């Protein structure tokens, strides 16, 4: 794509478990050359520039929260739950004239959150799983991060699909499964639920989760988003 690394103070150890974030920056359909920066909680990071067509890709560590900034558009967009060798596709980002990054919402235990939607190839299942995508909604407030992630969303424009048990199907490429991390960093995984497609790239969901460390601790998360 022709990007040039402008700055990086992550070292080789940081990239022992790499992931990648890519997208295309446009203004009224025309590619935009902009600075795109990623950092972690302690301020280490890297910067690239999008090319003449607006395409960028930036290499980041997968083992920590990442905050993505786009020159003239948005600062410190939180991205969490990356997996090793995952390429997270932010899609086409309209820099002017409306559009932009999608937001979605989710609710659990009487709490409603709104967050930034990310969509891209998942690293779940390893290299044997291709064309296997995940969509997440990330809510951040101070030190609190909450993220439901749905993996294996069907590509159809309509229909209701059954979410299945995460632990029993983690190696099943294409399985419709889900994860959730609450504000206490408690890892939950799906037991059952449904995803209803409301368009080719939109959905609603109602998913039952259980705590990986305490199976009796269960929650139901509902939500909707476009991606």
C-alpha atoms as a PDB file:
ATOM      1  CA  UNK A   1       0.000   0.000   0.000  1.00  0.00           C
ATOM      2  CA  UNK A   2       3.000   2.291   0.157  1.00  0.00           C
ATOM      3  CA  UNK A   3       2.801   3.353   3.805  1.00  0.00           C
ATOM      4  CA  UNK A   4       5.967   4.681   5.459  1.00  0.00           C
ATOM      5  CA  UNK A   5       6.580   4.100   9.177  1.00  0.00           C
ATOM      6  CA  UNK A   6       7.168   7.535  10.638  1.00  0.00           C
ATOM      7  CA  UNK A   7       7.776   6.544  14.252  1.00  0.00           C
ATOM      8  CA  UNK A   8       7.833   3.480  16.483  1.00  0.00           C
ATOM      9  CA  UNK A   9       9.213   2.809  19.946  1.00  0.00           C
ATOM     10  CA  UNK A  10       7.735  -0.669  20.298  1.00  0.00           C
ATOM     11  CA  UNK A  11      10.545  -3.232  20.272  1.00  0.00           C
ATOM     12  CA  UNK A  12      10.914  -6.809  19.035  1.00  0.00           C
ATOM     13  CA  UNK A  13       9.480  -8.224  22.272  1.00  0.00           C
ATOM     14  CA  UNK A  14       6.338  -6.139  21.790  1.00  0.00           C
ATOM     15  CA  UNK A  15       5.873  -7.716  18.368  1.00  0.00           C
ATOM     16  CA  UNK A  16       6.321 -11.339  19.453  1.00  0.00           C
ATOM     17  CA  UNK A  17       2.496 -11.498  19.312  1.00  0.00           C
ATOM     18  CA  UNK A  18       1.592  -8.997  16.559  1.00  0.00           C
ATOM     19  CA  UNK A  19      -1.732  -7.877  15.147  1.00  0.00           C
ATOM     20  CA  UNK A  20      -2.599  -5.423  12.386  1.00  0.00           C
ATOM     21  CA  UNK A  21      -5.157  -2.643  11.983  1.00  0.00           C
ATOM     22  CA  UNK A  22      -6.078  -1.414   8.523  1.00  0.00           C
ATOM     23  CA  UNK A  23      -8.609   0.857   6.857  1.00  0.00           C
ATOM     24  CA  UNK A  24      -9.197   3.406   4.131  1.00  0.00           C
ATOM     25  CA  UNK A  25      -9.545   7.151   4.749  1.00  0.00           C
ATOM     26  CA  UNK A  26     -11.673   9.067   2.234  1.00  0.00           C
ATOM     27  CA  UNK A  27     -13.286  12.477   1.804  1.00  0.00           C
ATOM     28  CA  UNK A  28     -16.323  12.376  -0.491  1.00  0.00           C
ATOM     29  CA  UNK A  29     -14.932   9.201  -2.027  1.00  0.00           C
ATOM     30  CA  UNK A  30     -11.365  10.420  -2.598  1.00  0.00           C
ATOM     31  CA  UNK A  31      -8.446   8.879  -0.712  1.00  0.00           C
ATOM     32  CA  UNK A  32      -6.845  11.008   1.995  1.00  0.00           C
ATOM     33  CA  UNK A  33      -3.197  11.055   3.102  1.00  0.00           C
ATOM     34  CA  UNK A  34      -3.311  11.335   6.889  1.00  0.00           C
ATOM     35  CA  UNK A  35      -1.211  10.384   9.888  1.00  0.00           C
ATOM     36  CA  UNK A  36      -2.483   7.312  11.750  1.00  0.00           C
ATOM     37  CA  UNK A  37      -1.034   6.574  15.193  1.00  0.00           C
ATOM     38  CA  UNK A  38      -1.425   3.704  17.641  1.00  0.00           C
ATOM     39  CA  UNK A  39      -0.303   3.678  21.267  1.00  0.00           C
ATOM     40  CA  UNK A  40      -0.628   1.534  24.364  1.00  0.00           C
ATOM     41  CA  UNK A  41      -1.412   2.498  27.972  1.00  0.00           C
ATOM     42  CA  UNK A  42       2.145   3.581  28.759  1.00  0.00           C
ATOM     43  CA  UNK A  43       2.487   5.749  25.661  1.00  0.00           C
ATOM     44  CA  UNK A  44       4.641   3.523  23.457  1.00  0.00           C
ATOM     45  CA  UNK A  45       3.409   3.334  19.900  1.00  0.00           C
ATOM     46  CA  UNK A  46       3.858   3.710  16.160  1.00  0.00           C
ATOM     47  CA  UNK A  47       2.744   6.036  13.374  1.00  0.00           C
ATOM     48  CA  UNK A  48       2.108   5.471   9.671  1.00  0.00           C
ATOM     49  CA  UNK A  49       0.679   7.579   6.849  1.00  0.00           C
ATOM     50  CA  UNK A  50      -2.121   6.444   4.571  1.00  0.00           C
ATOM     51  CA  UNK A  51      -1.223   6.315   0.881  1.00  0.00           C
ATOM     52  CA  UNK A  52      -2.732   8.322  -1.988  1.00  0.00           C
ATOM     53  CA  UNK A  53      -5.732   5.996  -2.081  1.00  0.00           C
ATOM     54  CA  UNK A  54      -6.285   6.475   1.652  1.00  0.00           C
ATOM     55  CA  UNK A  55      -5.235   2.942   2.609  1.00  0.00           C
ATOM     56  CA  UNK A  56      -3.251   2.318   5.783  1.00  0.00           C
ATOM     57  CA  UNK A  57      -2.096  -0.655   7.801  1.00  0.00           C
ATOM     58  CA  UNK A  58      -0.332  -0.451  11.135  1.00  0.00           C
ATOM     59  CA  UNK A  59       1.356  -3.214  13.130  1.00  0.00           C
ATOM     60  CA  UNK A  60       0.566  -3.336  16.852  1.00  0.00           C
ATOM     61  CA  UNK A  61       1.032  -5.734  19.787  1.00  0.00           C
ATOM     62  CA  UNK A  62      -1.987  -7.992  20.344  1.00  0.00           C
ATOM     63  CA  UNK A  63      -1.504  -8.507  24.087  1.00  0.00           C
ATOM     64  CA  UNK A  64      -2.689  -5.092  25.333  1.00  0.00           C
ATOM     65  CA  UNK A  65      -5.348  -2.414  24.700  1.00  0.00           C
ATOM     66  CA  UNK A  66      -4.508  -0.164  21.746  1.00  0.00           C
ATOM     67  CA  UNK A  67      -5.631   3.427  21.172  1.00  0.00           C
ATOM     68  CA  UNK A  68      -5.853   4.504  17.531  1.00  0.00           C
ATOM     69  CA  UNK A  69      -5.730   8.151  16.445  1.00  0.00           C
ATOM     70  CA  UNK A  70      -6.435   9.515  12.958  1.00  0.00           C
ATOM     71  CA  UNK A  71      -5.147  12.977  12.121  1.00  0.00           C
ATOM     72  CA  UNK A  72      -7.967  15.496  11.869  1.00  0.00           C
ATOM     73  CA  UNK A  73     -10.637  12.969  12.759  1.00  0.00           C
ATOM     74  CA  UNK A  74     -10.479  11.132  16.072  1.00  0.00           C
ATOM     75  CA  UNK A  75      -8.067  10.631  18.964  1.00  0.00           C
ATOM     76  CA  UNK A  76      -7.494   7.549  21.110  1.00  0.00           C
ATOM     77  CA  UNK A  77     -10.137   5.237  19.651  1.00  0.00           C
ATOM     78  CA  UNK A  78      -9.983   2.165  21.946  1.00  0.00           C
ATOM     79  CA  UNK A  79      -9.371  -1.258  20.411  1.00  0.00           C
ATOM     80  CA  UNK A  80      -9.233  -4.271  22.687  1.00  0.00           C
ATOM     81  CA  UNK A  81      -9.244  -8.080  22.495  1.00  0.00           C
ATOM     82  CA  UNK A  82      -6.972  -8.356  19.467  1.00  0.00           C
ATOM     83  CA  UNK A  83      -5.582 -11.829  18.812  1.00  0.00           C
ATOM     84  CA  UNK A  84      -2.225 -12.930  17.417  1.00  0.00           C
ATOM     85  CA  UNK A  85      -1.872 -12.277  13.663  1.00  0.00           C
ATOM     86  CA  UNK A  86      -5.375 -10.843  13.459  1.00  0.00           C
ATOM     87  CA  UNK A  87      -5.987  -8.135  10.843  1.00  0.00           C
ATOM     88  CA  UNK A  88      -8.717  -5.820  12.092  1.00  0.00           C
ATOM     89  CA  UNK A  89     -10.361  -4.027   9.154  1.00  0.00           C
ATOM     90  CA  UNK A  90     -11.851  -0.656  10.108  1.00  0.00           C
ATOM     91  CA  UNK A  91     -13.405  -0.425   6.642  1.00  0.00           C
ATOM     92  CA  UNK A  92     -13.841   2.860   4.769  1.00  0.00           C
ATOM     93  CA  UNK A  93     -13.784   5.871   7.084  1.00  0.00           C
ATOM     94  CA  UNK A  94     -15.429   9.021   5.715  1.00  0.00           C
ATOM     95  CA  UNK A  95     -13.345  11.962   6.912  1.00  0.00           C
ATOM     96  CA  UNK A  96     -15.792  14.670   5.817  1.00  0.00           C
ATOM     97  CA  UNK A  97     -19.349  15.046   4.632  1.00  0.00           C
ATOM     98  CA  UNK A  98     -20.851  12.647   7.151  1.00  0.00           C
ATOM     99  CA  UNK A  99     -20.323   8.950   7.629  1.00  0.00           C
ATOM    100  CA  UNK A 100     -17.403   7.873   9.749  1.00  0.00           C
ATOM    101  CA  UNK A 101     -16.776   5.042  12.151  1.00  0.00           C
ATOM    102  CA  UNK A 102     -19.787   3.016  13.208  1.00  0.00           C
ATOM    103  CA  UNK A 103     -21.033   2.976  16.776  1.00  0.00           C
ATOM    104  CA  UNK A 104     -23.221   0.355  18.399  1.00  0.00           C
ATOM    105  CA  UNK A 105     -24.863  -0.251  21.728  1.00  0.00           C
ATOM    106  CA  UNK A 106     -25.241  -3.119  24.184  1.00  0.00           C
ATOM    107  CA  UNK A 107     -27.008  -3.682  27.499  1.00  0.00           C
ATOM    108  CA  UNK A 108     -26.653  -6.047  30.451  1.00  0.00           C
ATOM    109  CA  UNK A 109     -27.838  -6.050  34.069  1.00  0.00           C
ATOM    110  CA  UNK A 110     -29.836  -2.863  33.452  1.00  0.00           C
ATOM    111  CA  UNK A 111     -26.773  -1.010  32.107  1.00  0.00           C
ATOM    112  CA  UNK A 112     -26.694   0.380  28.541  1.00  0.00           C
ATOM    113  CA  UNK A 113     -23.416   1.227  26.822  1.00  0.00           C
ATOM    114  CA  UNK A 114     -22.523   2.821  23.495  1.00  0.00           C
ATOM    115  CA  UNK A 115     -19.183   2.103  21.869  1.00  0.00           C
ATOM    116  CA  UNK A 116     -17.097   1.987  18.711  1.00  0.00           C
ATOM    117  CA  UNK A 117     -17.650  -0.948  16.361  1.00  0.00           C
ATOM    118  CA  UNK A 118     -14.691  -2.901  14.998  1.00  0.00           C
ATOM    119  CA  UNK A 119     -14.932  -5.618  12.359  1.00  0.00           C
ATOM    120  CA  UNK A 120     -12.240  -7.820  10.868  1.00  0.00           C
ATOM    121  CA  UNK A 121     -10.717 -11.255  10.471  1.00  0.00           C
ATOM    122  CA  UNK A 122     -10.452 -13.075  13.777  1.00  0.00           C
ATOM    123  CA  UNK A 123      -7.420 -14.955  15.056  1.00  0.00           C
ATOM    124  CA  UNK A 124      -9.676 -17.428  16.883  1.00  0.00           C
ATOM    125  CA  UNK A 125      -9.183 -20.944  15.566  1.00  0.00           C
ATOM    126  CA  UNK A 126      -5.658 -20.293  14.283  1.00  0.00           C
ATOM    127  CA  UNK A 127      -4.323 -20.218  10.751  1.00  0.00           C
ATOM    128  CA  UNK A 128      -6.642 -23.039   9.628  1.00  0.00           C
ATOM    129  CA  UNK A 129      -9.630 -20.692   9.891  1.00  0.00           C
ATOM    130  CA  UNK A 130      -9.903 -18.336   6.900  1.00  0.00           C
ATOM    131  CA  UNK A 131     -12.688 -15.876   6.060  1.00  0.00           C
ATOM    132  CA  UNK A 132     -13.730 -16.050   9.732  1.00  0.00           C
ATOM    133  CA  UNK A 133     -14.752 -12.597  10.979  1.00  0.00           C
ATOM    134  CA  UNK A 134     -15.530 -11.014  14.325  1.00  0.00           C
ATOM    135  CA  UNK A 135     -17.397  -7.842  15.256  1.00  0.00           C
ATOM    136  CA  UNK A 136     -16.978  -6.040  18.574  1.00  0.00           C
ATOM    137  CA  UNK A 137     -18.444  -3.011  20.337  1.00  0.00           C
ATOM    138  CA  UNK A 138     -15.914  -1.347  22.645  1.00  0.00           C
ATOM    139  CA  UNK A 139     -17.038   0.949  25.450  1.00  0.00           C
ATOM    140  CA  UNK A 140     -14.338   2.846  27.387  1.00  0.00           C
ATOM    141  CA  UNK A 141     -14.731   5.184  30.354  1.00  0.00           C
ATOM    142  CA  UNK A 142     -11.576   5.985  32.303  1.00  0.00           C
ATOM    143  CA  UNK A 143     -10.029   2.667  33.309  1.00  0.00           C
ATOM    144  CA  UNK A 144     -13.199   0.710  32.473  1.00  0.00           C
ATOM    145  CA  UNK A 145     -13.392  -1.187  29.186  1.00  0.00           C
ATOM    146  CA  UNK A 146     -16.318  -3.412  28.217  1.00  0.00           C
ATOM    147  CA  UNK A 147     -16.510  -5.317  24.938  1.00  0.00           C
ATOM    148  CA  UNK A 148     -18.916  -7.893  23.543  1.00  0.00           C
ATOM    149  CA  UNK A 149     -17.419  -9.686  20.524  1.00  0.00           C
ATOM    150  CA  UNK A 150     -19.438 -11.873  18.158  1.00  0.00           C
ATOM    151  CA  UNK A 151     -17.440 -14.311  16.023  1.00  0.00           C
ATOM    152  CA  UNK A 152     -18.636 -16.051  12.858  1.00  0.00           C
ATOM    153  CA  UNK A 153     -21.496 -13.714  11.908  1.00  0.00           C
ATOM    154  CA  UNK A 154     -23.307 -15.015   8.803  1.00  0.00           C
ATOM    155  CA  UNK A 155     -22.936 -12.891   5.665  1.00  0.00           C
ATOM    156  CA  UNK A 156     -26.626 -13.037   4.728  1.00  0.00           C
ATOM    157  CA  UNK A 157     -28.787  -9.896   4.881  1.00  0.00           C
ATOM    158  CA  UNK A 158     -31.562 -11.420   6.981  1.00  0.00           C
ATOM    159  CA  UNK A 159     -32.387 -14.317   9.261  1.00  0.00           C
ATOM    160  CA  UNK A 160     -31.944 -15.326  12.897  1.00  0.00           C
ATOM    161  CA  UNK A 161     -29.041 -17.595  13.819  1.00  0.00           C
ATOM    162  CA  UNK A 162     -28.211 -19.578  16.946  1.00  0.00           C
ATOM    163  CA  UNK A 163     -25.168 -18.651  19.030  1.00  0.00           C
ATOM    164  CA  UNK A 164     -23.534 -21.773  20.465  1.00  0.00           C
ATOM    165  CA  UNK A 165     -21.223 -22.717  23.343  1.00  0.00           C
ATOM    166  CA  UNK A 166     -17.839 -21.016  23.008  1.00  0.00           C
ATOM    167  CA  UNK A 167     -15.665 -23.547  24.810  1.00  0.00           C
ATOM    168  CA  UNK A 168     -17.171 -26.513  22.954  1.00  0.00           C
ATOM    169  CA  UNK A 169     -16.688 -24.913  19.530  1.00  0.00           C
ATOM    170  CA  UNK A 170     -13.518 -22.801  19.807  1.00  0.00           C
ATOM    171  CA  UNK A 171     -11.780 -24.873  17.101  1.00  0.00           C
ATOM    172  CA  UNK A 172     -14.799 -25.074  14.830  1.00  0.00           C
ATOM    173  CA  UNK A 173     -14.099 -22.615  12.009  1.00  0.00           C
ATOM    174  CA  UNK A 174     -17.236 -20.679  11.186  1.00  0.00           C
ATOM    175  CA  UNK A 175     -18.989 -21.379  14.504  1.00  0.00           C
ATOM    176  CA  UNK A 176     -21.211 -18.544  15.729  1.00  0.00           C
ATOM    177  CA  UNK A 177     -19.776 -17.886  19.195  1.00  0.00           C
ATOM    178  CA  UNK A 178     -19.168 -14.846  21.401  1.00  0.00           C
ATOM    179  CA  UNK A 179     -17.010 -13.343  24.151  1.00  0.00           C
ATOM    180  CA  UNK A 180     -17.674 -10.548  26.619  1.00  0.00           C
ATOM    181  CA  UNK A 181     -15.358  -8.653  28.955  1.00  0.00           C
ATOM    182  CA  UNK A 182     -17.006  -6.575  31.680  1.00  0.00           C
ATOM    183  CA  UNK A 183     -15.665  -3.539  33.523  1.00  0.00           C
ATOM    184  CA  UNK A 184     -13.890  -5.782  36.046  1.00  0.00           C
ATOM    185  CA  UNK A 185     -11.996  -7.556  33.232  1.00  0.00           C
ATOM    186  CA  UNK A 186     -14.040 -10.699  33.889  1.00  0.00           C
ATOM    187  CA  UNK A 187     -13.920 -12.983  30.813  1.00  0.00           C
ATOM    188  CA  UNK A 188     -17.323 -14.329  29.806  1.00  0.00           C
ATOM    189  CA  UNK A 189     -18.027 -16.707  26.914  1.00  0.00           C
ATOM    190  CA  UNK A 190     -21.240 -17.656  25.142  1.00  0.00           C
ATOM    191  CA  UNK A 191     -23.488 -20.534  26.139  1.00  0.00           C
ATOM    192  CA  UNK A 192     -26.414 -19.775  23.816  1.00  0.00           C
ATOM    193  CA  UNK A 193     -28.336 -16.943  22.190  1.00  0.00           C
ATOM    194  CA  UNK A 194     -29.326 -15.480  18.849  1.00  0.00           C
ATOM    195  CA  UNK A 195     -28.004 -13.086  16.228  1.00  0.00           C
ATOM    196  CA  UNK A 196     -30.533 -11.507  13.868  1.00  0.00           C
ATOM    197  CA  UNK A 197     -29.197  -9.958  10.670  1.00  0.00           C
ATOM    198  CA  UNK A 198     -30.968  -6.691   9.832  1.00  0.00           C
ATOM    199  CA  UNK A 199     -28.842  -6.049   6.739  1.00  0.00           C
ATOM    200  CA  UNK A 200     -25.709  -7.324   5.023  1.00  0.00           C
ATOM    201  CA  UNK A 201     -23.548  -5.532   7.626  1.00  0.00           C
ATOM    202  CA  UNK A 202     -25.910  -4.943  10.546  1.00  0.00           C
ATOM    203  CA  UNK A 203     -27.353  -7.087  13.330  1.00  0.00           C
ATOM    204  CA  UNK A 204     -29.099  -7.303  16.662  1.00  0.00           C
ATOM    205  CA  UNK A 205     -28.154  -9.898  19.250  1.00  0.00           C
ATOM    206  CA  UNK A 206     -29.197 -11.447  22.541  1.00  0.00           C
ATOM    207  CA  UNK A 207     -26.488 -13.699  23.957  1.00  0.00           C
ATOM    208  CA  UNK A 208     -26.224 -15.660  27.202  1.00  0.00           C
ATOM    209  CA  UNK A 209     -22.741 -15.727  28.733  1.00  0.00           C
ATOM    210  CA  UNK A 210     -21.058 -17.477  31.638  1.00  0.00           C
ATOM    211  CA  UNK A 211     -17.924 -16.547  33.579  1.00  0.00           C
ATOM    212  CA  UNK A 212     -14.972 -18.750  32.559  1.00  0.00           C
ATOM    213  CA  UNK A 213     -13.761 -18.918  36.171  1.00  0.00           C
ATOM    214  CA  UNK A 214     -17.216 -19.388  37.728  1.00  0.00           C
ATOM    215  CA  UNK A 215     -19.794 -21.069  35.502  1.00  0.00           C
ATOM    216  CA  UNK A 216     -22.642 -20.137  37.842  1.00  0.00           C
ATOM    217  CA  UNK A 217     -21.985 -16.422  37.201  1.00  0.00           C
ATOM    218  CA  UNK A 218     -24.103 -15.723  34.124  1.00  0.00           C
ATOM    219  CA  UNK A 219     -25.316 -12.645  32.256  1.00  0.00           C
ATOM    220  CA  UNK A 220     -27.323 -11.852  29.132  1.00  0.00           C
ATOM    221  CA  UNK A 221     -26.048  -9.155  26.789  1.00  0.00           C
ATOM    222  CA  UNK A 222     -28.298  -7.619  24.142  1.00  0.00           C
ATOM    223  CA  UNK A 223     -27.307  -5.090  21.526  1.00  0.00           C
ATOM    224  CA  UNK A 224     -27.215  -3.874  17.950  1.00  0.00           C
ATOM    225  CA  UNK A 225     -24.718  -2.413  15.497  1.00  0.00           C
ATOM    226  CA  UNK A 226     -23.719  -1.855  11.904  1.00  0.00           C
ATOM    227  CA  UNK A 227     -20.212  -2.805  10.814  1.00  0.00           C
END
